[in-house]
Amino acid sequence: MADLPQSFLDSMKEILGEDYEAFLTGFDGQRQYGLRVNTLKMNLEEFERIAPFHLKKVPWISNGYFYNAEDVPAKHPFYSAGLYYLQEPSAMTPASRLKVQPGERVLDLCAAPGGKATELGAALQGEGLLVANDINTARAKALLRNLELFGISNSFVTNEPPHVLAERFPEFFHKIMVDAPCSGEGMFRKNPAVVDSWKEKGPEYFSKLQREIIVQAADMLLPGGMMFYSTCTFSPLENEKTITHLLKERPDMEVVPMEDYENFAEGLTSYKDEAFDESCKLCRRIWPHKMSGEGHFMALLHKKSGAEQEIKSDEQDSVMQNINYLQAENSKESGLNRTFHMNQEANTSEILNRDKKENTIKYQQDAEPVFDRKNIEISQKSDEKASKKSKKAKKKQQTETLSSVWWEKCKSLSKEQKAAAEDFFAHVNLAYDVGRIDVRGDNLYYLPEPQYDGRGLHFLRNGLFMGEFKKKRFEPSQPFALALRAQDFDQVLDFPADDERLQRYLRGETLDVSDLINGEKKRKGWQLVMAAGHPLGFGKLVNNNLKNKYPAGWRK
C-alpha cells in the first residue's frame, strides 16, 4: 500500500464507515487493464474475432474490455491502426453515459489526452462537430494525436482557458463533457506518485478551479442540452459540493439519472456537518473495492428550457443559421470582411501561431457530413467491363470537381501540383462536399460541417488534414490515411496482422511487397498500407518495393 496521507484516510473513514477496511484492503489488489474499441472503425463482433488478446467484457461498458498485462496491446499493429484506446475501465464510464448522437455539437472542455474525446468523436460517426480543448499546450498535442489515430475527421482542437471558450460559444453545444482537473485520489493505487502531487495541491486547490470551470461549461450548453461532470477523486469538496455550487449559481441546471449499474454507489447528500443538494443522490461513485476499476465520481446534468426557450433542436439549428446569415449580410453592407481564414499547421508537434489577428477561422455553411458514404455509387452490374467504365467516369467527375475547387480557393497551385492531386484523388472512392475543402498555404483540409465562429482562438487543428503540396507533388497525410476505410482507396497493400513486415513498416523501413502485388507490373504510386483490412498509413510503390511514408514522428 502507498504511504497515504492521514487526512485522506480520515476523510475516507468518514465517508465509507464500515466499508473503510475493505477500501484499504483494495489498495493491495492488482490494477485493472482495459481497452475500449473504436466503433467508428469496426464493430465489436469483428474486434472479438481478430484481437489476439485475453479479453473479458467490462460489464458496464458496451465496447470496453479487460485484458491481461502480458498482452501488451500498445505494441500490436491494431493499436497503430486506431482500433482501440487503452483506458482504465472506470474512466470509460463518463463518455458512455453522455449518449452523444451523430450530428450534434459536442464539447470536451478538459479533453487531454483524449480518453473521453475519442469516444465522443466515435459516437458522432463523422457527423456534427467535436470541439476538444485543453489549456495545456503539450497535453493538447497528445490529444490531437489520439484524435487523429482514431480517424476522427470532424474535430476542432483548441488550446484555451475555459472562460475564453465560454465567451465565444454561449449556449452552443448539445452535449458537454467536463472531466475536471482534480486531486486524483482515485489514482493512488494505480500511480502512487499522485500522492506526492496531492500533498502539494489537494482538494482545496482543485475545488476552486472546478467551481469556475463547471459554471463556464454550463453557460455553453444549449437549453435542453446535457452535460457530464466527472473526476477521478473521492473528495466531496471536489464532487458533490461542486455540483451544489453549480445548482445555486445556475438554477436552470439540474441533476438527472444516468444509465445505472448495480455496483455504482449513490452520491452523498451530506458530509460531516455540510449538506449538499438533495439531487446529488442521483450522482454516482465508483469505488475500487466494489468494482473492477479505480475511483470515479460522475454527475449527469440537464439544462432546463423555459417557456420562451422551448425550441426543438432542428428549429434551434434553423434559428442559428438565420442569425449567422444575417450577421454575414450586415457585415457586407458595412464593408467589413466576415470571411475569417484558418492558419493551419500540418505537423502535430507544432502549436499554431498565437497571433490572434492571423489565427482565425471562417464561418462555414451547412453541408453534407464528412465522407458521406451513402452517396458513394457502387456499381452492381454483373458486366465487369460496364462496371469499370462507370467507376472511371465517376472518378473523372469527382477529380474534375475537386480540381476546380482547388483552383478557385488557391490560385497559387502550380500545374504540376494540380496534376499530382488529381492523380492521387483518382484513387479515392469517397464523395466530398466541395464547399468544405480548404487550401491554406501548402496544406489541404476538409472542414467540419456545422457553423461556428473561432476567430482569434488558439487551435491546433480544424477538421481533417488531408495532405500537403510539396513543389511538384502532393503527399497525403497520416491523419487522412487513418480516416479512410479499406474500400475508400483502390490501391491497397493488405498484410496479415502477424506479418513481421508491419512492424518494419511502423519503424519506417522499405519493404519488399512482390508477393502482394501479384505481378501487377503497371501498378505504382501511392498505396494504402493495411493490417488485416485496417489502414495504417501510406507508402509509394516503386517496382516491387514499398517506399515508406509512415511519418517519422509516428514511428515505433
Protein backbone atom coordinates (compact mmCIF):
# COMPACT_ATOMS: atom_id res chain seq x y z
CA MET A 1 0.00 0.00 0.00
CA ALA A 2 1.19 3.51 -0.78
CA ASP A 3 2.08 5.84 2.09
CA LEU A 4 -1.30 7.58 2.20
CA PRO A 5 -1.80 10.97 3.90
CA GLN A 6 -3.58 10.75 7.24
CA SER A 7 -6.06 13.49 6.32
CA PHE A 8 -7.06 11.46 3.27
CA LEU A 9 -7.53 8.31 5.36
CA ASP A 10 -9.64 10.22 7.90
CA SER A 11 -11.86 11.53 5.12
CA MET A 12 -12.33 8.06 3.63
CA LYS A 13 -13.24 6.63 7.03
CA GLU A 14 -15.86 9.35 7.46
CA ILE A 15 -17.38 8.65 4.03
CA LEU A 16 -17.20 4.86 3.96
CA GLY A 17 -17.91 3.85 7.53
CA GLU A 18 -17.98 0.06 7.74
CA ASP A 19 -16.62 -0.25 4.18
CA TYR A 20 -13.42 1.54 5.15
CA GLU A 21 -11.36 -1.60 5.84
CA ALA A 22 -12.43 -3.18 2.54
CA PHE A 23 -11.37 0.03 0.79
CA LEU A 24 -7.90 -0.13 2.37
CA THR A 25 -7.52 -3.80 1.51
CA GLY A 26 -8.27 -2.92 -2.11
CA PHE A 27 -5.06 -0.89 -2.33
CA ASP A 28 -3.11 -4.14 -2.25
CA GLY A 29 -5.06 -5.56 -5.19
CA GLN A 30 -3.83 -5.67 -8.78
CA ARG A 31 -4.64 -2.82 -11.11
CA GLN A 32 -7.06 -3.50 -13.93
CA TYR A 33 -6.05 -3.10 -17.58
CA GLY A 34 -8.68 -2.06 -20.09
CA LEU A 35 -9.17 -1.12 -23.72
CA ARG A 36 -12.11 0.49 -25.47
CA VAL A 37 -12.96 -0.41 -29.07
CA ASN A 38 -13.15 2.35 -31.66
CA THR A 39 -16.68 1.86 -33.02
CA LEU A 40 -16.01 4.43 -35.73
CA LYS A 41 -13.74 1.86 -37.38
CA MET A 42 -15.20 -1.53 -36.51
CA ASN A 43 -17.95 -3.39 -34.69
CA LEU A 44 -17.45 -5.45 -31.57
CA GLU A 45 -18.02 -8.80 -33.28
CA GLU A 46 -15.16 -8.16 -35.69
CA PHE A 47 -12.88 -6.97 -32.90
CA GLU A 48 -13.51 -10.07 -30.82
CA ARG A 49 -12.82 -12.20 -33.88
CA ILE A 50 -9.46 -10.64 -34.82
CA ALA A 51 -8.00 -9.44 -31.49
CA PRO A 52 -5.17 -11.75 -30.30
CA PHE A 53 -5.63 -10.78 -26.63
CA HIS A 54 -7.08 -12.35 -23.49
CA LEU A 55 -10.32 -10.38 -23.40
CA LYS A 56 -13.14 -10.14 -20.90
CA LYS A 57 -16.05 -7.75 -21.25
CA VAL A 58 -16.31 -4.75 -18.94
CA PRO A 59 -19.90 -5.33 -17.77
CA TRP A 60 -20.95 -1.69 -17.56
CA ILE A 61 -19.29 -0.50 -20.82
CA SER A 62 -20.68 -1.82 -24.12
CA ASN A 63 -17.37 -1.51 -26.01
CA GLY A 64 -14.97 -1.97 -23.08
CA TYR A 65 -12.74 -4.98 -22.39
CA PHE A 66 -10.32 -6.11 -19.71
CA TYR A 67 -7.05 -7.58 -20.97
CA ASN A 68 -4.03 -9.21 -19.35
CA ALA A 69 -0.84 -7.24 -18.79
CA GLU A 70 1.17 -9.73 -20.86
CA ASP A 71 -0.96 -8.97 -23.94
CA VAL A 72 0.79 -5.59 -24.45
CA PRO A 73 -1.80 -4.30 -26.98
CA ALA A 74 0.08 -1.00 -27.41
CA LYS A 75 2.73 -2.86 -29.44
CA HIS A 76 0.29 -4.53 -31.81
CA PRO A 77 -0.30 -3.03 -35.31
CA PHE A 78 -4.00 -2.77 -34.47
CA TYR A 79 -3.13 -0.06 -31.94
CA SER A 80 -1.37 1.93 -34.67
CA ALA A 81 -4.47 1.48 -36.82
CA GLY A 82 -6.54 3.20 -34.11
CA LEU A 83 -8.80 0.22 -33.45
CA TYR A 84 -8.85 0.75 -29.68
CA TYR A 85 -7.86 3.11 -26.88
CA LEU A 86 -6.06 1.86 -23.77
CA GLN A 87 -8.03 3.13 -20.80
CA GLU A 88 -8.62 2.25 -17.18
CA PRO A 89 -12.12 0.68 -17.04
CA SER A 90 -13.81 3.16 -14.68
CA ALA A 91 -12.52 6.07 -16.80
CA MET A 92 -14.51 4.70 -19.75
CA THR A 93 -17.77 5.39 -17.93
CA PRO A 94 -18.35 9.16 -18.35
CA ALA A 95 -18.34 9.23 -22.16
CA SER A 96 -20.55 6.13 -22.27
CA ARG A 97 -23.21 7.89 -20.14
CA LEU A 98 -23.38 11.16 -22.10
CA LYS A 99 -25.11 9.46 -25.06
CA VAL A 100 -23.82 11.55 -27.95
CA GLN A 101 -25.74 11.30 -31.24
CA PRO A 102 -24.43 11.85 -34.81
CA GLY A 103 -24.85 15.44 -35.99
CA GLU A 104 -24.63 17.07 -32.55
CA ARG A 105 -22.24 19.82 -31.49
CA VAL A 106 -20.16 18.39 -28.65
CA LEU A 107 -17.54 19.95 -26.37
CA ASP A 108 -14.93 18.13 -24.31
CA LEU A 109 -13.66 21.02 -22.22
CA CYS A 110 -10.70 19.38 -20.42
CA ALA A 111 -10.00 16.77 -23.05
CA ALA A 112 -6.33 15.73 -22.97
CA PRO A 113 -5.04 13.15 -23.51
CA GLY A 114 -8.24 12.10 -25.28
CA GLY A 115 -9.78 9.16 -23.42
CA LYS A 116 -13.22 10.75 -23.38
CA ALA A 117 -12.86 12.83 -26.57
CA THR A 118 -12.05 9.81 -28.75
CA GLU A 119 -15.21 8.03 -27.57
CA LEU A 120 -17.35 11.15 -28.06
CA GLY A 121 -15.88 11.62 -31.53
CA ALA A 122 -16.52 8.00 -32.46
CA ALA A 123 -20.16 8.36 -31.34
CA LEU A 124 -20.61 11.27 -33.77
CA GLN A 125 -19.78 8.90 -36.67
CA GLY A 126 -18.25 11.74 -38.70
CA GLU A 127 -21.33 13.98 -38.44
CA GLY A 128 -21.59 17.19 -36.43
CA LEU A 129 -18.73 18.80 -34.53
CA LEU A 130 -16.40 17.83 -31.71
CA VAL A 131 -14.59 20.71 -30.02
CA ALA A 132 -11.79 19.13 -27.97
CA ASN A 133 -9.97 21.59 -25.72
CA ASP A 134 -7.13 21.54 -23.25
CA ILE A 135 -5.43 24.51 -21.63
CA ASN A 136 -2.04 22.76 -21.53
CA THR A 137 -0.23 23.00 -24.87
CA ALA A 138 1.82 19.81 -24.52
CA ARG A 139 -1.23 17.82 -23.47
CA ALA A 140 -3.26 19.33 -26.32
CA LYS A 141 -0.71 17.93 -28.78
CA ALA A 142 -1.20 14.45 -27.31
CA LEU A 143 -4.96 14.98 -27.59
CA LEU A 144 -4.66 15.82 -31.28
CA ARG A 145 -2.54 12.74 -31.94
CA ASN A 146 -5.11 10.44 -30.33
CA LEU A 147 -7.99 12.01 -32.27
CA GLU A 148 -6.02 11.54 -35.49
CA LEU A 149 -5.21 7.96 -34.56
CA PHE A 150 -8.92 7.29 -34.08
CA GLY A 151 -9.71 8.66 -37.54
CA ILE A 152 -11.92 11.47 -36.22
CA SER A 153 -12.25 13.97 -39.05
CA ASN A 154 -14.77 16.49 -37.67
CA SER A 155 -12.88 17.89 -34.69
CA PHE A 156 -11.77 21.40 -33.78
CA VAL A 157 -8.85 21.03 -31.34
CA THR A 158 -8.35 24.14 -29.23
CA ASN A 159 -5.86 25.29 -26.60
CA GLU A 160 -7.72 27.84 -24.47
CA PRO A 161 -8.81 28.50 -20.88
CA PRO A 162 -12.49 27.58 -20.40
CA HIS A 163 -13.61 31.18 -19.88
CA VAL A 164 -12.37 32.12 -23.36
CA LEU A 165 -14.47 29.39 -24.96
CA ALA A 166 -17.45 30.41 -22.81
CA GLU A 167 -17.29 33.91 -24.24
CA ARG A 168 -17.15 32.56 -27.79
CA PHE A 169 -19.73 29.75 -27.60
CA PRO A 170 -22.69 30.84 -25.42
CA GLU A 171 -25.45 28.19 -25.40
CA PHE A 172 -23.94 26.49 -28.44
CA PHE A 173 -23.37 22.81 -27.61
CA HIS A 174 -25.86 19.95 -27.41
CA LYS A 175 -23.55 17.90 -25.17
CA ILE A 176 -20.61 18.89 -22.95
CA MET A 177 -18.08 16.72 -21.15
CA VAL A 178 -16.27 18.20 -18.13
CA ASP A 179 -13.73 15.69 -16.88
CA ALA A 180 -12.36 18.24 -14.47
CA PRO A 181 -8.78 18.56 -13.23
CA CYS A 182 -8.75 17.08 -9.74
CA SER A 183 -6.59 15.89 -6.86
CA GLY A 184 -6.56 12.36 -8.28
CA GLU A 185 -7.35 10.34 -5.16
CA GLY A 186 -8.82 7.60 -7.33
CA MET A 187 -5.40 7.12 -8.95
CA PHE A 188 -3.45 6.49 -5.73
CA ARG A 189 -3.46 2.71 -6.25
CA LYS A 190 -2.66 2.87 -9.97
CA ASN A 191 0.02 5.55 -9.66
CA PRO A 192 1.42 6.12 -6.14
CA ALA A 193 3.33 9.19 -7.40
CA VAL A 194 -0.01 11.04 -7.45
CA VAL A 195 0.12 11.02 -3.63
CA ASP A 196 3.02 13.47 -3.69
CA SER A 197 1.08 15.79 -6.02
CA TRP A 198 -1.92 15.56 -3.69
CA LYS A 199 0.22 16.75 -0.78
CA GLU A 200 1.20 19.84 -2.79
CA LYS A 201 -2.19 20.58 -4.33
CA GLY A 202 -5.11 18.81 -2.70
CA PRO A 203 -8.91 19.09 -2.83
CA GLU A 204 -9.00 22.70 -1.60
CA TYR A 205 -6.86 23.86 -4.53
CA PHE A 206 -8.76 21.96 -7.22
CA SER A 207 -12.25 22.67 -5.91
CA LYS A 208 -11.82 26.37 -6.68
CA LEU A 209 -10.88 25.58 -10.28
CA GLN A 210 -13.75 23.12 -10.63
CA ARG A 211 -16.37 25.61 -9.45
CA GLU A 212 -15.22 28.09 -12.08
CA ILE A 213 -15.00 25.51 -14.87
CA ILE A 214 -18.38 23.88 -14.29
CA VAL A 215 -20.26 27.20 -14.37
CA GLN A 216 -18.44 28.30 -17.52
CA ALA A 217 -19.27 24.96 -19.13
CA ALA A 218 -22.95 25.28 -18.23
CA ASP A 219 -23.06 28.65 -19.98
CA MET A 220 -22.02 26.95 -23.24
CA LEU A 221 -24.82 24.38 -23.08
CA LEU A 222 -27.94 24.76 -25.20
CA PRO A 223 -31.27 24.81 -23.32
CA GLY A 224 -32.35 21.19 -23.28
CA GLY A 225 -28.74 20.03 -23.59
CA MET A 226 -26.87 17.54 -21.39
CA MET A 227 -23.59 17.97 -19.53
CA PHE A 228 -21.49 15.34 -17.77
CA TYR A 229 -19.20 16.23 -14.87
CA SER A 230 -16.63 13.72 -13.64
CA THR A 231 -13.48 13.47 -11.57
CA CYS A 232 -11.13 10.66 -10.59
CA THR A 233 -11.17 11.67 -6.94
CA PHE A 234 -13.22 10.82 -3.83
CA SER A 235 -13.30 14.20 -2.07
CA PRO A 236 -16.85 15.57 -1.57
CA LEU A 237 -15.32 19.04 -1.80
CA GLU A 238 -14.47 18.38 -5.46
CA ASN A 239 -17.60 16.41 -6.25
CA GLU A 240 -20.98 16.90 -4.55
CA LYS A 241 -20.03 20.36 -3.28
CA THR A 242 -19.06 21.40 -6.81
CA ILE A 243 -22.42 20.17 -8.12
CA THR A 244 -24.25 22.01 -5.34
CA HIS A 245 -22.36 25.18 -6.24
CA LEU A 246 -23.43 24.86 -9.88
CA LEU A 247 -27.09 24.37 -8.98
CA LYS A 248 -27.04 27.52 -6.85
CA GLU A 249 -25.24 29.61 -9.46
CA ARG A 250 -27.25 28.28 -12.42
CA PRO A 251 -30.82 27.40 -11.33
CA ASP A 252 -31.64 26.23 -14.86
CA MET A 253 -29.29 23.26 -14.36
CA GLU A 254 -30.47 20.04 -12.73
CA VAL A 255 -29.02 16.62 -11.89
CA VAL A 256 -30.77 13.81 -13.75
CA PRO A 257 -30.46 9.99 -13.59
CA MET A 258 -27.83 8.32 -15.76
CA GLU A 259 -27.68 4.78 -17.09
CA ASP A 260 -27.05 2.87 -13.89
CA TYR A 261 -25.06 -0.21 -12.89
CA GLU A 262 -25.63 -2.40 -9.87
CA ASN A 263 -22.24 -1.67 -8.28
CA PHE A 264 -22.34 2.09 -8.71
CA ALA A 265 -22.77 3.92 -5.39
CA GLU A 266 -25.07 6.91 -4.84
CA GLY A 267 -23.69 10.40 -4.44
CA LEU A 268 -23.57 11.97 -1.00
CA THR A 269 -26.16 14.42 0.30
CA SER A 270 -24.04 15.40 3.31
CA TYR A 271 -20.50 15.16 4.62
CA LYS A 272 -19.61 15.90 8.23
CA ASP A 273 -21.68 18.99 9.07
CA GLU A 274 -22.25 20.14 5.49
CA ALA A 275 -25.39 19.38 3.49
CA PHE A 276 -25.41 19.11 -0.30
CA ASP A 277 -28.28 19.46 -2.73
CA GLU A 278 -30.65 16.50 -2.34
CA SER A 279 -30.40 15.72 -6.06
CA CYS A 280 -26.74 14.77 -5.52
CA LYS A 281 -28.02 11.31 -4.62
CA LEU A 282 -28.51 10.89 -8.39
CA CYS A 283 -24.76 11.28 -8.86
CA ARG A 284 -22.74 8.09 -8.97
CA ARG A 285 -19.47 6.99 -7.41
CA ILE A 286 -17.20 4.14 -8.45
CA TRP A 287 -15.32 2.61 -5.53
CA PRO A 288 -12.35 0.30 -6.30
CA HIS A 289 -13.31 -2.17 -3.55
CA LYS A 290 -16.76 -2.64 -5.14
CA MET A 291 -15.86 -2.71 -8.85
CA SER A 292 -13.00 -3.74 -11.13
CA GLY A 293 -11.64 -0.26 -11.62
CA GLU A 294 -10.18 2.77 -9.92
CA GLY A 295 -12.16 5.59 -8.30
CA HIS A 296 -14.54 7.94 -10.12
CA PHE A 297 -17.29 10.47 -9.44
CA MET A 298 -19.98 11.21 -12.05
CA ALA A 299 -22.93 13.56 -12.47
CA LEU A 300 -25.26 13.88 -15.45
CA LEU A 301 -26.77 17.36 -15.74
CA HIS A 302 -29.54 18.84 -17.85
CA LYS A 303 -30.18 22.47 -18.74
CA LYS A 304 -33.88 23.19 -18.34
CA SER A 305 -35.75 25.13 -21.02
CA GLY A 306 -38.05 27.97 -20.02
CA ALA A 307 -41.32 28.54 -21.89
CA GLU A 308 -39.61 31.09 -24.10
CA GLN A 309 -36.72 28.67 -24.81
CA GLU A 310 -38.65 25.52 -25.72
CA ILE A 311 -37.44 25.17 -29.27
CA LYS A 312 -36.95 21.82 -30.92
CA SER A 313 -33.36 21.04 -31.79
CA ASP A 314 -33.95 21.33 -35.54
CA GLU A 315 -35.69 24.67 -35.06
CA GLN A 316 -32.81 25.82 -32.86
CA ASP A 317 -30.38 24.99 -35.67
CA SER A 318 -32.53 26.91 -38.14
CA VAL A 319 -32.57 29.96 -35.88
CA MET A 320 -28.76 29.84 -35.54
CA GLN A 321 -28.33 29.57 -39.30
CA ASN A 322 -30.55 32.60 -39.83
CA ILE A 323 -28.60 34.59 -37.25
CA ASN A 324 -25.28 33.73 -38.91
CA TYR A 325 -26.71 34.60 -42.33
CA LEU A 326 -27.97 37.98 -41.12
CA GLN A 327 -24.62 38.70 -39.48
CA ALA A 328 -22.84 37.95 -42.73
CA GLU A 329 -25.25 40.13 -44.72
CA ASN A 330 -24.91 43.00 -42.26
CA SER A 331 -21.13 42.82 -42.49
CA LYS A 332 -21.29 43.05 -46.28
CA GLU A 333 -23.37 46.22 -46.05
CA SER A 334 -20.96 47.77 -43.57
CA GLY A 335 -17.95 46.89 -45.70
CA LEU A 336 -16.50 44.50 -43.13
CA ASN A 337 -14.84 41.28 -44.21
CA ARG A 338 -16.65 38.47 -42.39
CA THR A 339 -14.74 35.64 -44.02
CA PHE A 340 -12.22 34.54 -41.44
CA HIS A 341 -9.43 32.27 -42.57
CA MET A 342 -7.60 29.46 -40.85
CA ASN A 343 -3.89 29.34 -40.26
CA GLN A 344 -3.42 25.57 -40.08
CA GLU A 345 -0.41 23.50 -39.03
CA ALA A 346 0.40 20.25 -40.83
CA ASN A 347 2.72 18.99 -38.14
CA THR A 348 1.04 17.78 -34.95
CA SER A 349 4.16 18.63 -32.96
CA GLU A 350 3.83 22.35 -33.62
CA ILE A 351 1.36 24.70 -31.95
CA LEU A 352 -0.31 27.30 -34.13
CA ASN A 353 0.85 30.88 -34.32
CA ARG A 354 -0.72 32.71 -31.39
CA ASP A 355 -1.25 35.96 -33.22
CA LYS A 356 -4.98 36.41 -32.76
CA LYS A 357 -5.21 38.54 -35.89
CA GLU A 358 -3.96 35.70 -38.08
CA ASN A 359 -5.03 32.55 -36.25
CA THR A 360 -8.71 32.70 -37.17
CA ILE A 361 -11.44 30.59 -38.67
CA LYS A 362 -14.04 31.43 -41.24
CA TYR A 363 -17.79 30.97 -40.94
CA GLN A 364 -18.85 27.74 -42.59
CA GLN A 365 -22.05 26.94 -44.44
CA ASP A 366 -24.20 23.86 -43.82
CA ALA A 367 -23.01 20.92 -45.88
CA GLU A 368 -23.06 17.16 -46.20
CA PRO A 369 -21.46 15.04 -43.44
CA VAL A 370 -17.77 14.22 -43.62
CA PHE A 371 -17.21 11.41 -46.10
CA ASP A 372 -20.87 10.82 -46.95
CA ARG A 373 -20.61 7.11 -47.68
CA LYS A 374 -24.31 6.89 -48.52
CA ASN A 375 -23.72 8.96 -51.65
CA ILE A 376 -20.92 6.76 -52.97
CA GLU A 377 -22.22 4.97 -56.03
CA ILE A 378 -21.19 1.32 -56.13
CA SER A 379 -21.93 -0.39 -59.38
CA GLN A 380 -23.96 -3.55 -59.01
CA LYS A 381 -23.76 -4.54 -62.68
CA SER A 382 -22.65 -8.06 -63.40
CA ASP A 383 -20.88 -6.98 -66.55
CA GLU A 384 -17.30 -6.29 -65.40
CA LYS A 385 -16.50 -4.04 -68.35
CA ALA A 386 -19.51 -1.80 -67.72
CA SER A 387 -18.63 -1.63 -64.04
CA LYS A 388 -15.09 -0.44 -64.75
CA LYS A 389 -16.38 2.15 -67.20
CA SER A 390 -18.85 3.50 -64.65
CA LYS A 391 -16.16 3.66 -61.97
CA LYS A 392 -13.79 5.50 -64.29
CA ALA A 393 -16.47 8.05 -65.20
CA LYS A 394 -17.30 8.64 -61.53
CA LYS A 395 -13.66 9.25 -60.63
CA LYS A 396 -13.23 11.62 -63.56
CA GLN A 397 -16.25 13.65 -62.46
CA GLN A 398 -15.04 13.72 -58.85
CA THR A 399 -11.48 14.82 -59.63
CA GLU A 400 -12.67 17.46 -62.08
CA THR A 401 -14.91 18.90 -59.36
CA LEU A 402 -12.14 18.81 -56.77
CA SER A 403 -9.55 20.39 -59.04
CA SER A 404 -11.88 23.25 -59.95
CA VAL A 405 -12.42 23.96 -56.26
CA TRP A 406 -8.69 23.92 -55.56
CA TRP A 407 -8.03 26.38 -58.37
CA GLU A 408 -10.80 28.60 -57.08
CA LYS A 409 -9.58 28.55 -53.47
CA CYS A 410 -5.84 28.64 -54.05
CA LYS A 411 -4.65 30.30 -57.24
CA SER A 412 -1.03 29.59 -56.32
CA LEU A 413 -1.31 25.86 -57.12
CA SER A 414 1.01 25.02 -59.99
CA LYS A 415 0.01 22.91 -62.95
CA GLU A 416 2.16 20.09 -61.60
CA GLN A 417 0.57 20.29 -58.13
CA LYS A 418 -2.88 20.18 -59.66
CA ALA A 419 -1.97 17.12 -61.72
CA ALA A 420 -0.44 15.39 -58.69
CA ALA A 421 -3.57 15.98 -56.61
CA GLU A 422 -5.83 14.78 -59.42
CA ASP A 423 -3.73 11.64 -59.78
CA PHE A 424 -3.95 10.84 -56.07
CA PHE A 425 -7.67 11.55 -55.64
CA ALA A 426 -8.48 9.43 -58.68
CA HIS A 427 -7.84 6.50 -56.33
CA VAL A 428 -10.12 7.78 -53.55
CA ASN A 429 -13.63 6.31 -53.57
CA LEU A 430 -15.38 8.97 -51.50
CA ALA A 431 -17.88 11.73 -52.14
CA TYR A 432 -16.97 15.17 -50.81
CA ASP A 433 -18.80 18.38 -50.16
CA VAL A 434 -16.51 20.65 -52.15
CA GLY A 435 -17.60 23.65 -50.10
CA ARG A 436 -15.72 22.22 -47.13
CA ILE A 437 -12.41 21.69 -48.92
CA ASP A 438 -9.92 24.29 -47.78
CA VAL A 439 -6.41 25.04 -49.05
CA ARG A 440 -4.21 27.02 -46.65
CA GLY A 441 -0.69 27.67 -47.84
CA ASP A 442 0.61 24.28 -48.94
CA ASN A 443 -1.88 22.26 -46.88
CA LEU A 444 -5.23 20.73 -47.79
CA TYR A 445 -8.03 20.36 -45.21
CA TYR A 446 -11.58 19.07 -45.04
CA LEU A 447 -13.58 21.24 -42.65
CA PRO A 448 -16.26 20.16 -40.16
CA GLU A 449 -19.85 20.67 -41.20
CA PRO A 450 -21.55 22.90 -38.57
CA GLN A 451 -21.25 26.67 -38.40
CA TYR A 452 -19.13 28.16 -35.65
CA ASP A 453 -17.05 31.25 -35.03
CA GLY A 454 -13.50 30.55 -33.91
CA ARG A 455 -11.97 33.93 -34.61
CA GLY A 456 -8.84 34.55 -32.58
CA LEU A 457 -8.89 31.21 -30.77
CA HIS A 458 -5.66 29.29 -30.29
CA PHE A 459 -6.08 25.95 -32.01
CA LEU A 460 -4.06 23.02 -33.28
CA ARG A 461 -6.38 21.65 -35.94
CA ASN A 462 -9.69 22.38 -37.59
CA GLY A 463 -11.13 19.39 -39.42
CA LEU A 464 -9.14 16.74 -41.27
CA PHE A 465 -5.63 17.45 -42.52
CA MET A 466 -5.66 15.66 -45.88
CA GLY A 467 -2.20 16.33 -47.23
CA GLU A 468 0.49 18.75 -48.30
CA PHE A 469 1.63 20.20 -51.62
CA LYS A 470 5.41 19.94 -51.97
CA LYS A 471 6.98 21.53 -55.03
CA LYS A 472 5.54 19.49 -57.90
CA ARG A 473 3.82 16.78 -55.89
CA PHE A 474 1.02 16.12 -53.42
CA GLU A 475 1.66 13.99 -50.33
CA PRO A 476 -1.36 12.61 -48.43
CA SER A 477 -1.21 12.89 -44.65
CA GLN A 478 -1.14 10.25 -41.94
CA PRO A 479 -4.42 11.53 -40.41
CA PHE A 480 -6.07 11.15 -43.83
CA ALA A 481 -4.89 7.53 -44.08
CA LEU A 482 -6.35 6.76 -40.65
CA ALA A 483 -9.67 8.39 -41.56
CA LEU A 484 -10.07 6.02 -44.54
CA ARG A 485 -11.54 2.53 -44.69
CA ALA A 486 -10.35 -0.31 -46.86
CA GLN A 487 -12.98 0.36 -49.53
CA ASP A 488 -12.15 4.06 -49.71
CA PHE A 489 -8.89 3.66 -51.65
CA ASP A 490 -8.39 1.44 -54.69
CA GLN A 491 -4.66 0.73 -54.27
CA VAL A 492 -4.07 -1.17 -51.05
CA LEU A 493 -1.42 -3.47 -49.63
CA ASP A 494 -3.14 -5.61 -47.01
CA PHE A 495 -0.79 -7.52 -44.69
CA PRO A 496 -1.88 -10.27 -42.29
CA ALA A 497 -1.86 -8.96 -38.73
CA ASP A 498 1.05 -11.21 -37.76
CA ASP A 499 3.22 -10.32 -40.80
CA GLU A 500 6.59 -9.13 -39.47
CA ARG A 501 6.71 -6.50 -42.22
CA LEU A 502 4.06 -4.49 -40.39
CA GLN A 503 6.46 -3.84 -37.52
CA ARG A 504 9.13 -2.87 -40.03
CA TYR A 505 6.69 -0.53 -41.75
CA LEU A 506 5.92 1.13 -38.41
CA ARG A 507 9.68 1.63 -37.94
CA GLY A 508 9.93 3.39 -41.32
CA GLU A 509 11.69 0.68 -43.33
CA THR A 510 11.37 -0.02 -47.07
CA LEU A 511 9.51 -3.27 -47.77
CA ASP A 512 9.58 -5.92 -50.48
CA VAL A 513 5.91 -6.43 -51.40
CA SER A 514 6.27 -8.52 -54.55
CA ASP A 515 4.04 -11.23 -53.06
CA LEU A 516 1.19 -8.74 -52.53
CA ILE A 517 1.11 -7.14 -55.97
CA ASN A 518 0.87 -10.46 -57.83
CA GLY A 519 2.96 -9.39 -60.78
CA GLU A 520 0.98 -6.20 -61.49
CA LYS A 521 3.75 -4.54 -63.49
CA LYS A 522 1.78 -1.36 -64.15
CA ARG A 523 0.89 -0.82 -60.52
CA LYS A 524 2.74 2.09 -58.97
CA GLY A 525 2.32 5.21 -56.88
CA TRP A 526 0.51 5.71 -53.60
CA GLN A 527 -0.60 2.61 -51.71
CA LEU A 528 -2.73 2.39 -48.56
CA VAL A 529 -0.95 0.02 -46.15
CA MET A 530 -3.31 -2.08 -44.05
CA ALA A 531 -3.16 -4.57 -41.20
CA ALA A 532 -5.83 -7.25 -41.71
CA GLY A 533 -8.02 -4.80 -43.62
CA HIS A 534 -7.46 -1.73 -41.40
CA PRO A 535 -5.44 1.26 -42.68
CA LEU A 536 -2.10 2.08 -41.07
CA GLY A 537 -0.66 4.71 -43.41
CA PHE A 538 0.65 5.36 -46.91
CA GLY A 539 3.60 4.15 -48.92
CA LYS A 540 4.75 4.61 -52.50
CA LEU A 541 5.25 1.60 -54.75
CA VAL A 542 8.32 1.50 -56.98
CA ASN A 543 8.68 -1.80 -58.83
CA ASN A 544 8.34 -4.45 -56.10
CA ASN A 545 9.39 -2.21 -53.22
CA LEU A 546 7.26 -0.02 -51.00
CA LYS A 547 8.91 3.30 -50.20
CA ASN A 548 7.88 4.00 -46.62
CA LYS A 549 5.82 7.16 -46.00
CA TYR A 550 4.95 6.49 -42.36
CA PRO A 551 5.81 9.82 -40.64
CA ALA A 552 8.99 9.94 -38.57
CA GLY A 553 7.13 11.37 -35.59
CA TRP A 554 4.75 8.39 -35.53
CA ARG A 555 7.32 5.60 -35.84
CA LYS A 556 7.80 2.94 -33.19
